[in-house]
Amino acid sequence: MTMPNQVKPEKTLQGIHVLGRENSIPPSPKRLEGKIAIVTGGARGIGEATVLLFVQHGAKVVIADVEDALGNALADSLAPSATYFHCDVSSEEHVENLIQSTISHYGQLDILFNNAGVLGNQSRAHKSIVDFDIDEFDRVMRVNLELMGGLGPHAYTASKHAIVGLTKNTACELGRFGIRVNCISPFGVATPMLINAWRTGDEEEEQEVEKMEDFVRGLANLKGPTLRAKDIAEAALYLASDESKYVSGHNLVVDGGFTASKNLPSDEFKYVSAHNLVVDGGFTTSSNCVGLE
């Protein structure tokens, strides 16, 4: 009889923090070897951090963005492991050209990280639901759904909540083809987009980053570490790698337990609950799907 590995707690100076298994096999140093990936919004912020990490782990990456100078510079620094492709994800034609060009060049496409997003032109000072521009709402939805709601304008928040439902439905439909679909819900990260949206003065970028990180740390449930773009890239790496081969239809919340610990009286936080990492290949998602057969 073969007995399962014993589960034992790993201890740190601050107590028990994770369950580990004896005789566990460490992750491969090249977790994406031989994979071809597209990262939209890959020229800066979380996208840039993900491009760097994917390349580090052996992937060939197509950086898709509208920030041509930044995108080309990043691709050049990583050549021949990365290339740049101008793509406005709100344009169906641009996205189709991106996919077809990638497959034509590499002969395959293994990973698509839909990271590109916009907050919209309406600032925090004009975020009332009675004032927002419907055309701007449509633009934000087109960009973000072809791709951290709650603290942003209404259009941005609505688009981000819709992603969770879209992820489950798409995982349901594509599971029969062996395609996994997941999403990531990060806590606040001091990316250029977020800093520009919350900028209140003429401080240097480094000062703005520090101010944003201080603000986020003050809100955080998990005290000590600071969430940065690299941490979200690590989550994307896990979902893109074979280590998550049976994870599909899942919303990976990377917020240090914030949504589990807060009882926020706002429809903007409909996803507030304790987090359950479901490793069932999308079964629980598909059992609730109707009309997809």
C-alpha atoms as a PDB file:
ATOM      1  CA  MET A   1       0.000   0.000   0.000  1.00  0.00           C
ATOM      2  CA  THR A   2       1.278   3.432  -0.928  1.00  0.00           C
ATOM      3  CA  MET A   3       0.611   6.057   1.678  1.00  0.00           C
ATOM      4  CA  PRO A   4       0.167   9.715   0.734  1.00  0.00           C
ATOM      5  CA  ASN A   5       2.944  12.095   1.687  1.00  0.00           C
ATOM      6  CA  GLN A   6       2.522  13.516   5.151  1.00  0.00           C
ATOM      7  CA  VAL A   7       1.478  17.143   5.268  1.00  0.00           C
ATOM      8  CA  LYS A   8       3.371  19.207   7.786  1.00  0.00           C
ATOM      9  CA  PRO A   9       3.436  22.952   8.526  1.00  0.00           C
ATOM     10  CA  GLU A  10       6.441  25.006   7.601  1.00  0.00           C
ATOM     11  CA  LYS A  11       7.297  27.434  10.393  1.00  0.00           C
ATOM     12  CA  THR A  12       8.746  30.915  10.216  1.00  0.00           C
ATOM     13  CA  LEU A  13       9.742  33.355  12.946  1.00  0.00           C
ATOM     14  CA  GLN A  14       6.205  34.732  12.811  1.00  0.00           C
ATOM     15  CA  GLY A  15       4.490  31.335  13.030  1.00  0.00           C
ATOM     16  CA  ILE A  16       2.921  28.885  10.624  1.00  0.00           C
ATOM     17  CA  HIS A  17       2.304  30.329   7.185  1.00  0.00           C
ATOM     18  CA  VAL A  18       1.918  27.520   4.655  1.00  0.00           C
ATOM     19  CA  LEU A  19       1.489  23.775   4.358  1.00  0.00           C
ATOM     20  CA  GLY A  20       4.304  21.827   2.729  1.00  0.00           C
ATOM     21  CA  ARG A  21       4.713  18.239   1.569  1.00  0.00           C
ATOM     22  CA  GLU A  22       7.660  15.990   2.290  1.00  0.00           C
ATOM     23  CA  ASN A  23       9.625  14.900  -0.755  1.00  0.00           C
ATOM     24  CA  SER A  24       8.102  17.686  -2.852  1.00  0.00           C
ATOM     25  CA  ILE A  25       9.777  18.335  -6.182  1.00  0.00           C
ATOM     26  CA  PRO A  26      11.068  21.899  -6.639  1.00  0.00           C
ATOM     27  CA  PRO A  27       9.793  23.830  -9.679  1.00  0.00           C
ATOM     28  CA  SER A  28      11.838  23.619 -12.846  1.00  0.00           C
ATOM     29  CA  PRO A  29      14.203  26.574 -13.251  1.00  0.00           C
ATOM     30  CA  LYS A  30      12.831  27.008 -16.788  1.00  0.00           C
ATOM     31  CA  ARG A  31       9.116  26.678 -16.254  1.00  0.00           C
ATOM     32  CA  LEU A  32       8.104  27.961 -19.711  1.00  0.00           C
ATOM     33  CA  GLU A  33      10.805  26.373 -21.837  1.00  0.00           C
ATOM     34  CA  GLY A  34       9.657  26.063 -25.463  1.00  0.00           C
ATOM     35  CA  LYS A  35       6.483  28.122 -24.907  1.00  0.00           C
ATOM     36  CA  ILE A  36       5.330  31.045 -27.027  1.00  0.00           C
ATOM     37  CA  ALA A  37       3.549  33.833 -25.150  1.00  0.00           C
ATOM     38  CA  ILE A  38       1.767  37.078 -25.939  1.00  0.00           C
ATOM     39  CA  VAL A  39       1.600  39.747 -23.225  1.00  0.00           C
ATOM     40  CA  THR A  40      -0.715  42.650 -24.000  1.00  0.00           C
ATOM     41  CA  GLY A  41       0.146  45.896 -22.265  1.00  0.00           C
ATOM     42  CA  GLY A  42       3.626  44.439 -22.011  1.00  0.00           C
ATOM     43  CA  ALA A  43       5.665  47.617 -22.365  1.00  0.00           C
ATOM     44  CA  ARG A  44       5.470  48.752 -18.748  1.00  0.00           C
ATOM     45  CA  GLY A  45       4.106  48.018 -15.283  1.00  0.00           C
ATOM     46  CA  ILE A  46       2.794  44.523 -14.579  1.00  0.00           C
ATOM     47  CA  GLY A  47       3.099  43.635 -18.265  1.00  0.00           C
ATOM     48  CA  GLU A  48       6.790  44.509 -18.387  1.00  0.00           C
ATOM     49  CA  ALA A  49       7.485  42.546 -15.199  1.00  0.00           C
ATOM     50  CA  THR A  50       5.681  39.556 -16.708  1.00  0.00           C
ATOM     51  CA  VAL A  51       7.601  39.766 -19.979  1.00  0.00           C
ATOM     52  CA  LEU A  52      10.899  39.761 -18.071  1.00  0.00           C
ATOM     53  CA  LEU A  53       9.871  36.791 -15.934  1.00  0.00           C
ATOM     54  CA  PHE A  54       8.492  34.767 -18.857  1.00  0.00           C
ATOM     55  CA  VAL A  55      11.718  35.274 -20.812  1.00  0.00           C
ATOM     56  CA  GLN A  56      13.751  34.330 -17.730  1.00  0.00           C
ATOM     57  CA  HIS A  57      11.844  31.047 -17.660  1.00  0.00           C
ATOM     58  CA  GLY A  58      12.513  30.183 -21.272  1.00  0.00           C
ATOM     59  CA  ALA A  59       9.523  31.567 -23.176  1.00  0.00           C
ATOM     60  CA  LYS A  60       9.579  33.514 -26.428  1.00  0.00           C
ATOM     61  CA  VAL A  61       7.413  36.569 -25.811  1.00  0.00           C
ATOM     62  CA  VAL A  62       5.525  38.916 -28.106  1.00  0.00           C
ATOM     63  CA  ILE A  63       5.098  42.286 -26.404  1.00  0.00           C
ATOM     64  CA  ALA A  64       1.821  43.854 -27.577  1.00  0.00           C
ATOM     65  CA  ASP A  65       1.198  47.490 -26.712  1.00  0.00           C
ATOM     66  CA  VAL A  66       0.545  50.977 -28.070  1.00  0.00           C
ATOM     67  CA  GLU A  67       3.584  52.408 -26.256  1.00  0.00           C
ATOM     68  CA  ASP A  68       5.890  51.866 -29.234  1.00  0.00           C
ATOM     69  CA  ALA A  69       9.047  53.471 -27.848  1.00  0.00           C
ATOM     70  CA  LEU A  70       8.874  51.558 -24.568  1.00  0.00           C
ATOM     71  CA  GLY A  71       7.832  48.320 -26.244  1.00  0.00           C
ATOM     72  CA  ASN A  72      10.581  48.376 -28.857  1.00  0.00           C
ATOM     73  CA  ALA A  73      13.213  49.238 -26.264  1.00  0.00           C
ATOM     74  CA  LEU A  74      12.151  46.349 -24.045  1.00  0.00           C
ATOM     75  CA  ALA A  75      12.080  43.900 -26.964  1.00  0.00           C
ATOM     76  CA  ASP A  76      15.534  45.028 -28.119  1.00  0.00           C
ATOM     77  CA  SER A  77      16.942  44.490 -24.636  1.00  0.00           C
ATOM     78  CA  LEU A  78      15.607  40.926 -24.600  1.00  0.00           C
ATOM     79  CA  ALA A  79      16.288  39.944 -28.224  1.00  0.00           C
ATOM     80  CA  PRO A  80      15.991  37.338 -29.616  1.00  0.00           C
ATOM     81  CA  SER A  81      13.635  36.119 -26.874  1.00  0.00           C
ATOM     82  CA  ALA A  82      11.156  38.967 -27.324  1.00  0.00           C
ATOM     83  CA  THR A  83       9.615  40.941 -30.182  1.00  0.00           C
ATOM     84  CA  TYR A  84       7.318  43.960 -30.222  1.00  0.00           C
ATOM     85  CA  PHE A  85       3.971  44.257 -32.003  1.00  0.00           C
ATOM     86  CA  HIS A  86       1.886  47.436 -32.063  1.00  0.00           C
ATOM     87  CA  CYS A  87      -1.616  46.474 -30.958  1.00  0.00           C
ATOM     88  CA  ASP A  88      -4.602  48.447 -29.706  1.00  0.00           C
ATOM     89  CA  VAL A  89      -6.642  45.736 -27.959  1.00  0.00           C
ATOM     90  CA  SER A  90      -9.863  47.718 -28.401  1.00  0.00           C
ATOM     91  CA  SER A  91      -9.540  46.986 -32.139  1.00  0.00           C
ATOM     92  CA  GLU A  92     -10.662  43.513 -33.181  1.00  0.00           C
ATOM     93  CA  GLU A  93      -8.576  43.825 -36.349  1.00  0.00           C
ATOM     94  CA  HIS A  94      -5.436  44.643 -34.340  1.00  0.00           C
ATOM     95  CA  VAL A  95      -5.968  41.674 -32.035  1.00  0.00           C
ATOM     96  CA  GLU A  96      -6.612  39.281 -34.924  1.00  0.00           C
ATOM     97  CA  ASN A  97      -3.458  40.481 -36.684  1.00  0.00           C
ATOM     98  CA  LEU A  98      -1.484  40.010 -33.460  1.00  0.00           C
ATOM     99  CA  ILE A  99      -2.622  36.403 -33.045  1.00  0.00           C
ATOM    100  CA  GLN A 100      -2.162  35.464 -36.698  1.00  0.00           C
ATOM    101  CA  SER A 101       1.265  37.109 -36.946  1.00  0.00           C
ATOM    102  CA  THR A 102       2.468  35.307 -33.813  1.00  0.00           C
ATOM    103  CA  ILE A 103       1.304  31.906 -35.052  1.00  0.00           C
ATOM    104  CA  SER A 104       2.735  32.543 -38.525  1.00  0.00           C
ATOM    105  CA  HIS A 105       6.125  33.520 -37.090  1.00  0.00           C
ATOM    106  CA  TYR A 106       6.481  30.907 -34.338  1.00  0.00           C
ATOM    107  CA  GLY A 107       4.144  28.168 -35.547  1.00  0.00           C
ATOM    108  CA  GLN A 108       2.289  28.046 -32.209  1.00  0.00           C
ATOM    109  CA  LEU A 109       0.773  30.076 -29.389  1.00  0.00           C
ATOM    110  CA  ASP A 110       0.786  28.618 -25.882  1.00  0.00           C
ATOM    111  CA  ILE A 111       0.106  31.536 -23.546  1.00  0.00           C
ATOM    112  CA  LEU A 112      -2.005  34.673 -23.912  1.00  0.00           C
ATOM    113  CA  PHE A 113      -1.784  37.090 -20.974  1.00  0.00           C
ATOM    114  CA  ASN A 114      -4.462  39.738 -21.498  1.00  0.00           C
ATOM    115  CA  ASN A 115      -2.894  42.350 -19.267  1.00  0.00           C
ATOM    116  CA  ALA A 116      -3.638  45.582 -21.166  1.00  0.00           C
ATOM    117  CA  GLY A 117      -6.070  47.870 -19.442  1.00  0.00           C
ATOM    118  CA  VAL A 118      -7.128  51.494 -19.054  1.00  0.00           C
ATOM    119  CA  LEU A 119      -8.717  53.401 -16.210  1.00  0.00           C
ATOM    120  CA  GLY A 120     -10.451  55.813 -18.557  1.00  0.00           C
ATOM    121  CA  ASN A 121     -10.285  59.570 -18.822  1.00  0.00           C
ATOM    122  CA  GLN A 122     -12.563  60.256 -15.871  1.00  0.00           C
ATOM    123  CA  SER A 123     -10.529  60.949 -12.767  1.00  0.00           C
ATOM    124  CA  ARG A 124     -11.438  60.185  -9.171  1.00  0.00           C
ATOM    125  CA  ALA A 125     -12.785  63.713  -8.881  1.00  0.00           C
ATOM    126  CA  HIS A 126     -15.401  62.970 -11.576  1.00  0.00           C
ATOM    127  CA  LYS A 127     -16.325  59.400 -10.772  1.00  0.00           C
ATOM    128  CA  SER A 128     -19.993  59.931  -9.886  1.00  0.00           C
ATOM    129  CA  ILE A 129     -22.244  57.413 -11.604  1.00  0.00           C
ATOM    130  CA  VAL A 130     -24.522  60.250 -12.747  1.00  0.00           C
ATOM    131  CA  ASP A 131     -21.709  62.079 -14.549  1.00  0.00           C
ATOM    132  CA  PHE A 132     -19.768  59.489 -16.491  1.00  0.00           C
ATOM    133  CA  ASP A 133     -19.560  59.529 -20.283  1.00  0.00           C
ATOM    134  CA  ILE A 134     -21.202  56.502 -21.946  1.00  0.00           C
ATOM    135  CA  ASP A 135     -18.748  56.595 -24.855  1.00  0.00           C
ATOM    136  CA  GLU A 136     -15.835  56.486 -22.416  1.00  0.00           C
ATOM    137  CA  PHE A 137     -17.566  53.633 -20.595  1.00  0.00           C
ATOM    138  CA  ASP A 138     -17.781  51.669 -23.859  1.00  0.00           C
ATOM    139  CA  ARG A 139     -14.097  52.310 -24.610  1.00  0.00           C
ATOM    140  CA  VAL A 140     -12.961  51.126 -21.190  1.00  0.00           C
ATOM    141  CA  MET A 141     -15.122  48.010 -21.442  1.00  0.00           C
ATOM    142  CA  ARG A 142     -13.714  47.184 -24.888  1.00  0.00           C
ATOM    143  CA  VAL A 143     -10.118  47.440 -23.689  1.00  0.00           C
ATOM    144  CA  ASN A 144     -10.440  45.791 -20.295  1.00  0.00           C
ATOM    145  CA  LEU A 145     -12.719  42.953 -21.319  1.00  0.00           C
ATOM    146  CA  GLU A 146     -10.704  41.983 -24.297  1.00  0.00           C
ATOM    147  CA  LEU A 147      -8.391  41.579 -21.236  1.00  0.00           C
ATOM    148  CA  MET A 148      -8.294  45.941  -9.434  1.00  0.00           C
ATOM    149  CA  GLY A 149     -11.710  47.054  -9.636  1.00  0.00           C
ATOM    150  CA  GLY A 150     -13.272  48.749  -6.625  1.00  0.00           C
ATOM    151  CA  LEU A 151     -11.182  51.850  -6.038  1.00  0.00           C
ATOM    152  CA  GLY A 152     -11.330  53.156  -9.605  1.00  0.00           C
ATOM    153  CA  PRO A 153     -13.958  54.867 -11.761  1.00  0.00           C
ATOM    154  CA  HIS A 154     -17.241  53.024 -12.406  1.00  0.00           C
ATOM    155  CA  ALA A 155     -16.426  51.916 -15.956  1.00  0.00           C
ATOM    156  CA  TYR A 156     -13.092  50.438 -14.858  1.00  0.00           C
ATOM    157  CA  THR A 157     -14.664  48.652 -11.893  1.00  0.00           C
ATOM    158  CA  ALA A 158     -17.520  47.226 -13.984  1.00  0.00           C
ATOM    159  CA  SER A 159     -15.110  45.949 -16.612  1.00  0.00           C
ATOM    160  CA  LYS A 160     -12.954  44.200 -14.013  1.00  0.00           C
ATOM    161  CA  HIS A 161     -15.883  42.468 -12.319  1.00  0.00           C
ATOM    162  CA  ALA A 162     -17.080  41.241 -15.719  1.00  0.00           C
ATOM    163  CA  ILE A 163     -13.734  39.542 -16.298  1.00  0.00           C
ATOM    164  CA  VAL A 164     -14.411  36.990 -13.555  1.00  0.00           C
ATOM    165  CA  GLY A 165     -17.652  35.872 -15.205  1.00  0.00           C
ATOM    166  CA  LEU A 166     -16.073  35.903 -18.649  1.00  0.00           C
ATOM    167  CA  THR A 167     -13.181  33.787 -17.361  1.00  0.00           C
ATOM    168  CA  LYS A 168     -15.523  31.114 -16.016  1.00  0.00           C
ATOM    169  CA  ASN A 169     -17.661  31.026 -19.138  1.00  0.00           C
ATOM    170  CA  THR A 170     -14.661  30.878 -21.481  1.00  0.00           C
ATOM    171  CA  ALA A 171     -13.008  28.148 -19.407  1.00  0.00           C
ATOM    172  CA  CYS A 172     -16.265  26.242 -19.682  1.00  0.00           C
ATOM    173  CA  GLU A 173     -16.333  26.467 -23.468  1.00  0.00           C
ATOM    174  CA  LEU A 174     -12.644  25.869 -24.205  1.00  0.00           C
ATOM    175  CA  GLY A 175     -11.920  23.096 -21.715  1.00  0.00           C
ATOM    176  CA  ARG A 176     -12.876  20.463 -24.301  1.00  0.00           C
ATOM    177  CA  PHE A 177      -9.922  21.643 -26.383  1.00  0.00           C
ATOM    178  CA  GLY A 178      -7.462  21.405 -23.495  1.00  0.00           C
ATOM    179  CA  ILE A 179      -7.328  25.196 -23.145  1.00  0.00           C
ATOM    180  CA  ARG A 180      -7.215  26.622 -19.620  1.00  0.00           C
ATOM    181  CA  VAL A 181      -8.581  30.092 -18.837  1.00  0.00           C
ATOM    182  CA  ASN A 182      -7.883  31.919 -15.579  1.00  0.00           C
ATOM    183  CA  CYS A 183      -7.671  35.483 -14.313  1.00  0.00           C
ATOM    184  CA  ILE A 184      -5.775  37.392 -11.630  1.00  0.00           C
ATOM    185  CA  SER A 185      -7.256  39.970  -9.246  1.00  0.00           C
ATOM    186  CA  PRO A 186      -4.385  41.968  -7.725  1.00  0.00           C
ATOM    187  CA  PHE A 187      -4.448  44.423  -4.866  1.00  0.00           C
ATOM    188  CA  GLY A 188      -3.142  47.922  -5.580  1.00  0.00           C
ATOM    189  CA  VAL A 189       0.218  47.981  -7.350  1.00  0.00           C
ATOM    190  CA  ALA A 190       2.144  51.209  -7.938  1.00  0.00           C
ATOM    191  CA  THR A 191       2.175  50.926 -11.736  1.00  0.00           C
ATOM    192  CA  PRO A 192       2.487  53.963 -14.047  1.00  0.00           C
ATOM    193  CA  MET A 193      -1.249  53.754 -14.859  1.00  0.00           C
ATOM    194  CA  LEU A 194      -2.315  53.814 -11.226  1.00  0.00           C
ATOM    195  CA  ILE A 195       0.174  56.514 -10.262  1.00  0.00           C
ATOM    196  CA  ASN A 196      -0.964  58.790 -13.098  1.00  0.00           C
ATOM    197  CA  ALA A 197      -4.601  58.293 -12.135  1.00  0.00           C
ATOM    198  CA  TRP A 198      -3.984  59.209  -8.489  1.00  0.00           C
ATOM    199  CA  ARG A 199      -1.338  61.889  -9.010  1.00  0.00           C
ATOM    200  CA  THR A 200      -2.043  64.922  -6.853  1.00  0.00           C
ATOM    201  CA  GLY A 201       1.065  67.039  -7.241  1.00  0.00           C
ATOM    202  CA  ASP A 202       4.289  67.594  -9.140  1.00  0.00           C
ATOM    203  CA  GLU A 203       6.391  65.038  -7.262  1.00  0.00           C
ATOM    204  CA  GLU A 204       9.042  62.996  -9.034  1.00  0.00           C
ATOM    205  CA  GLU A 205       7.997  59.517 -10.155  1.00  0.00           C
ATOM    206  CA  GLU A 206      10.001  57.845  -7.386  1.00  0.00           C
ATOM    207  CA  GLN A 207       8.224  59.973  -4.784  1.00  0.00           C
ATOM    208  CA  GLU A 208       4.849  59.143  -6.338  1.00  0.00           C
ATOM    209  CA  VAL A 209       5.655  55.414  -6.186  1.00  0.00           C
ATOM    210  CA  GLU A 210       6.600  55.683  -2.512  1.00  0.00           C
ATOM    211  CA  LYS A 211       3.442  57.636  -1.745  1.00  0.00           C
ATOM    212  CA  MET A 212       1.244  55.080  -3.542  1.00  0.00           C
ATOM    213  CA  GLU A 213       2.958  52.143  -1.836  1.00  0.00           C
ATOM    214  CA  ASP A 214       2.552  53.809   1.572  1.00  0.00           C
ATOM    215  CA  PHE A 215      -1.159  54.324   0.843  1.00  0.00           C
ATOM    216  CA  VAL A 216      -1.649  50.700  -0.230  1.00  0.00           C
ATOM    217  CA  ARG A 217       0.274  49.374   2.782  1.00  0.00           C
ATOM    218  CA  GLY A 218      -2.056  51.372   5.007  1.00  0.00           C
ATOM    219  CA  LEU A 219      -5.081  49.631   3.480  1.00  0.00           C
ATOM    220  CA  ALA A 220      -3.518  46.184   3.416  1.00  0.00           C
ATOM    221  CA  ASN A 221      -4.630  43.299   5.606  1.00  0.00           C
ATOM    222  CA  LEU A 222      -1.264  41.516   5.310  1.00  0.00           C
ATOM    223  CA  LYS A 223       1.279  43.680   7.090  1.00  0.00           C
ATOM    224  CA  GLY A 224       4.968  43.640   6.229  1.00  0.00           C
ATOM    225  CA  PRO A 225       5.519  42.957   2.511  1.00  0.00           C
ATOM    226  CA  THR A 226       4.736  45.446  -0.260  1.00  0.00           C
ATOM    227  CA  LEU A 227       2.900  44.171  -3.329  1.00  0.00           C
ATOM    228  CA  ARG A 228       4.795  44.972  -6.527  1.00  0.00           C
ATOM    229  CA  ALA A 229       4.440  44.202 -10.229  1.00  0.00           C
ATOM    230  CA  LYS A 230       6.884  41.295  -9.939  1.00  0.00           C
ATOM    231  CA  ASP A 231       4.507  39.553  -7.518  1.00  0.00           C
ATOM    232  CA  ILE A 232       1.663  39.658 -10.054  1.00  0.00           C
ATOM    233  CA  ALA A 233       4.063  38.414 -12.715  1.00  0.00           C
ATOM    234  CA  GLU A 234       4.844  35.441 -10.448  1.00  0.00           C
ATOM    235  CA  ALA A 235       1.117  34.668 -10.259  1.00  0.00           C
ATOM    236  CA  ALA A 236       0.892  34.845 -14.054  1.00  0.00           C
ATOM    237  CA  LEU A 237       3.913  32.546 -14.333  1.00  0.00           C
ATOM    238  CA  TYR A 238       2.207  29.963 -12.135  1.00  0.00           C
ATOM    239  CA  LEU A 239      -0.998  30.040 -14.190  1.00  0.00           C
ATOM    240  CA  ALA A 240       0.966  29.891 -17.455  1.00  0.00           C
ATOM    241  CA  SER A 241       3.149  26.974 -16.376  1.00  0.00           C
ATOM    242  CA  ASP A 242       2.422  23.261 -16.217  1.00  0.00           C
ATOM    243  CA  GLU A 243       2.378  23.522 -12.432  1.00  0.00           C
ATOM    244  CA  SER A 244      -1.227  24.715 -12.787  1.00  0.00           C
ATOM    245  CA  LYS A 245      -2.137  22.182 -15.480  1.00  0.00           C
ATOM    246  CA  TYR A 246      -5.482  21.378 -13.802  1.00  0.00           C
ATOM    247  CA  VAL A 247      -6.425  24.907 -12.772  1.00  0.00           C
ATOM    248  CA  SER A 248      -9.065  26.485 -15.024  1.00  0.00           C
ATOM    249  CA  GLY A 249     -11.923  28.922 -14.549  1.00  0.00           C
ATOM    250  CA  HIS A 250     -10.150  30.328 -11.505  1.00  0.00           C
ATOM    251  CA  ASN A 251      -9.788  33.888 -10.229  1.00  0.00           C
ATOM    252  CA  LEU A 252      -6.417  34.022  -8.454  1.00  0.00           C
ATOM    253  CA  VAL A 253      -6.744  36.815  -5.888  1.00  0.00           C
ATOM    254  CA  VAL A 254      -3.380  38.352  -4.978  1.00  0.00           C
ATOM    255  CA  ASP A 255      -4.398  40.827  -2.301  1.00  0.00           C
ATOM    256  CA  GLY A 256      -2.890  39.564   0.963  1.00  0.00           C
ATOM    257  CA  GLY A 257      -6.307  38.557   2.256  1.00  0.00           C
ATOM    258  CA  PHE A 258      -7.781  42.054   1.836  1.00  0.00           C
ATOM    259  CA  THR A 259     -11.101  40.964   0.311  1.00  0.00           C
ATOM    260  CA  ALA A 260     -11.411  38.130   2.829  1.00  0.00           C
ATOM    261  CA  SER A 261     -10.920  40.479   5.773  1.00  0.00           C
ATOM    262  CA  LYS A 262     -13.056  43.441   4.759  1.00  0.00           C
ATOM    263  CA  ASN A 263     -16.830  43.647   4.868  1.00  0.00           C
ATOM    264  CA  LEU A 264     -17.187  46.554   2.475  1.00  0.00           C
ATOM    265  CA  PRO A 265     -20.741  47.882   1.977  1.00  0.00           C
ATOM    266  CA  SER A 266     -20.327  48.523  -1.728  1.00  0.00           C
ATOM    267  CA  ASP A 267     -21.379  46.730  -4.892  1.00  0.00           C
ATOM    268  CA  GLU A 268     -17.890  47.503  -6.162  1.00  0.00           C
ATOM    269  CA  PHE A 269     -16.631  44.681  -3.905  1.00  0.00           C
ATOM    270  CA  LYS A 270     -18.999  41.880  -4.898  1.00  0.00           C
ATOM    271  CA  TYR A 271     -16.088  39.419  -4.897  1.00  0.00           C
ATOM    272  CA  VAL A 272     -15.376  39.865  -1.179  1.00  0.00           C
ATOM    273  CA  SER A 273     -15.087  36.414   0.400  1.00  0.00           C
ATOM    274  CA  ALA A 274     -12.541  33.980   1.768  1.00  0.00           C
ATOM    275  CA  HIS A 275     -10.373  32.657  -1.030  1.00  0.00           C
ATOM    276  CA  ASN A 276     -10.612  29.059  -2.222  1.00  0.00           C
ATOM    277  CA  LEU A 277      -8.014  27.884  -4.737  1.00  0.00           C
ATOM    278  CA  VAL A 278      -9.964  25.380  -6.822  1.00  0.00           C
ATOM    279  CA  VAL A 279      -7.823  22.787  -8.621  1.00  0.00           C
ATOM    280  CA  ASP A 280     -10.468  20.846 -10.549  1.00  0.00           C
ATOM    281  CA  GLY A 281      -9.781  21.564 -14.222  1.00  0.00           C
ATOM    282  CA  GLY A 282     -12.836  23.808 -14.444  1.00  0.00           C
ATOM    283  CA  PHE A 283     -15.338  21.132 -13.317  1.00  0.00           C
ATOM    284  CA  THR A 284     -17.224  23.315 -10.853  1.00  0.00           C
ATOM    285  CA  THR A 285     -17.358  26.066 -13.451  1.00  0.00           C
ATOM    286  CA  SER A 286     -18.664  23.796 -16.208  1.00  0.00           C
ATOM    287  CA  SER A 287     -21.289  22.175 -13.992  1.00  0.00           C
ATOM    288  CA  ASN A 288     -23.086  25.525 -13.921  1.00  0.00           C
ATOM    289  CA  CYS A 289     -22.766  26.267 -17.632  1.00  0.00           C
ATOM    290  CA  VAL A 290     -25.881  26.211 -19.757  1.00  0.00           C
ATOM    291  CA  GLY A 291     -26.244  26.171 -23.516  1.00  0.00           C
ATOM    292  CA  LEU A 292     -22.603  25.631 -24.420  1.00  0.00           C
ATOM    293  CA  GLU A 293     -22.937  22.097 -25.745  1.00  0.00           C
END
